[in-house]
């Protein structure tokens, strides 16, 4: 049994994780911008997170999007400093691309599992509407023999 404030506390913690991730990904964010991001994240997570599982599903999904944006942000930052990056900066970009891709796949897959576990309503596809017993499915064709 959860109390009323538990999803809000988790929304606060999830927004804190998202804000720290954004601060690490983009060094140029000012404290007022980080505070604005934190407030928007808390508001979004409280709005969408009716349970603790949904709060963390949305948090990990947004963290995966941040991880996917990290290499792009790194390339833009290096490109804005100089026209042709050095070999060391190219190595840093390669590391950012590989780690960003790995982390984004991990967090987005993790959020998919949390969404699935929380029982979010599925889209009305034909596979969801089909009975589990196989009724209505034609039998496979028989071999002549």
Foldseek 3Di string as FASTA:
>chain_A
DDDPCVQLVLQLVLLVVLLVLLCVLAVPDDPVNSVVSSVVSSVVLVVQPPDSLRSLLVSLLSSLVSLLCSLVNLVVVQCVVDPDDDPVSVVVSVVSNVRSVVSSVVSNVVSVVSVVVVPDDDDPDPVVVDDPVCPPPDDDDDDDD
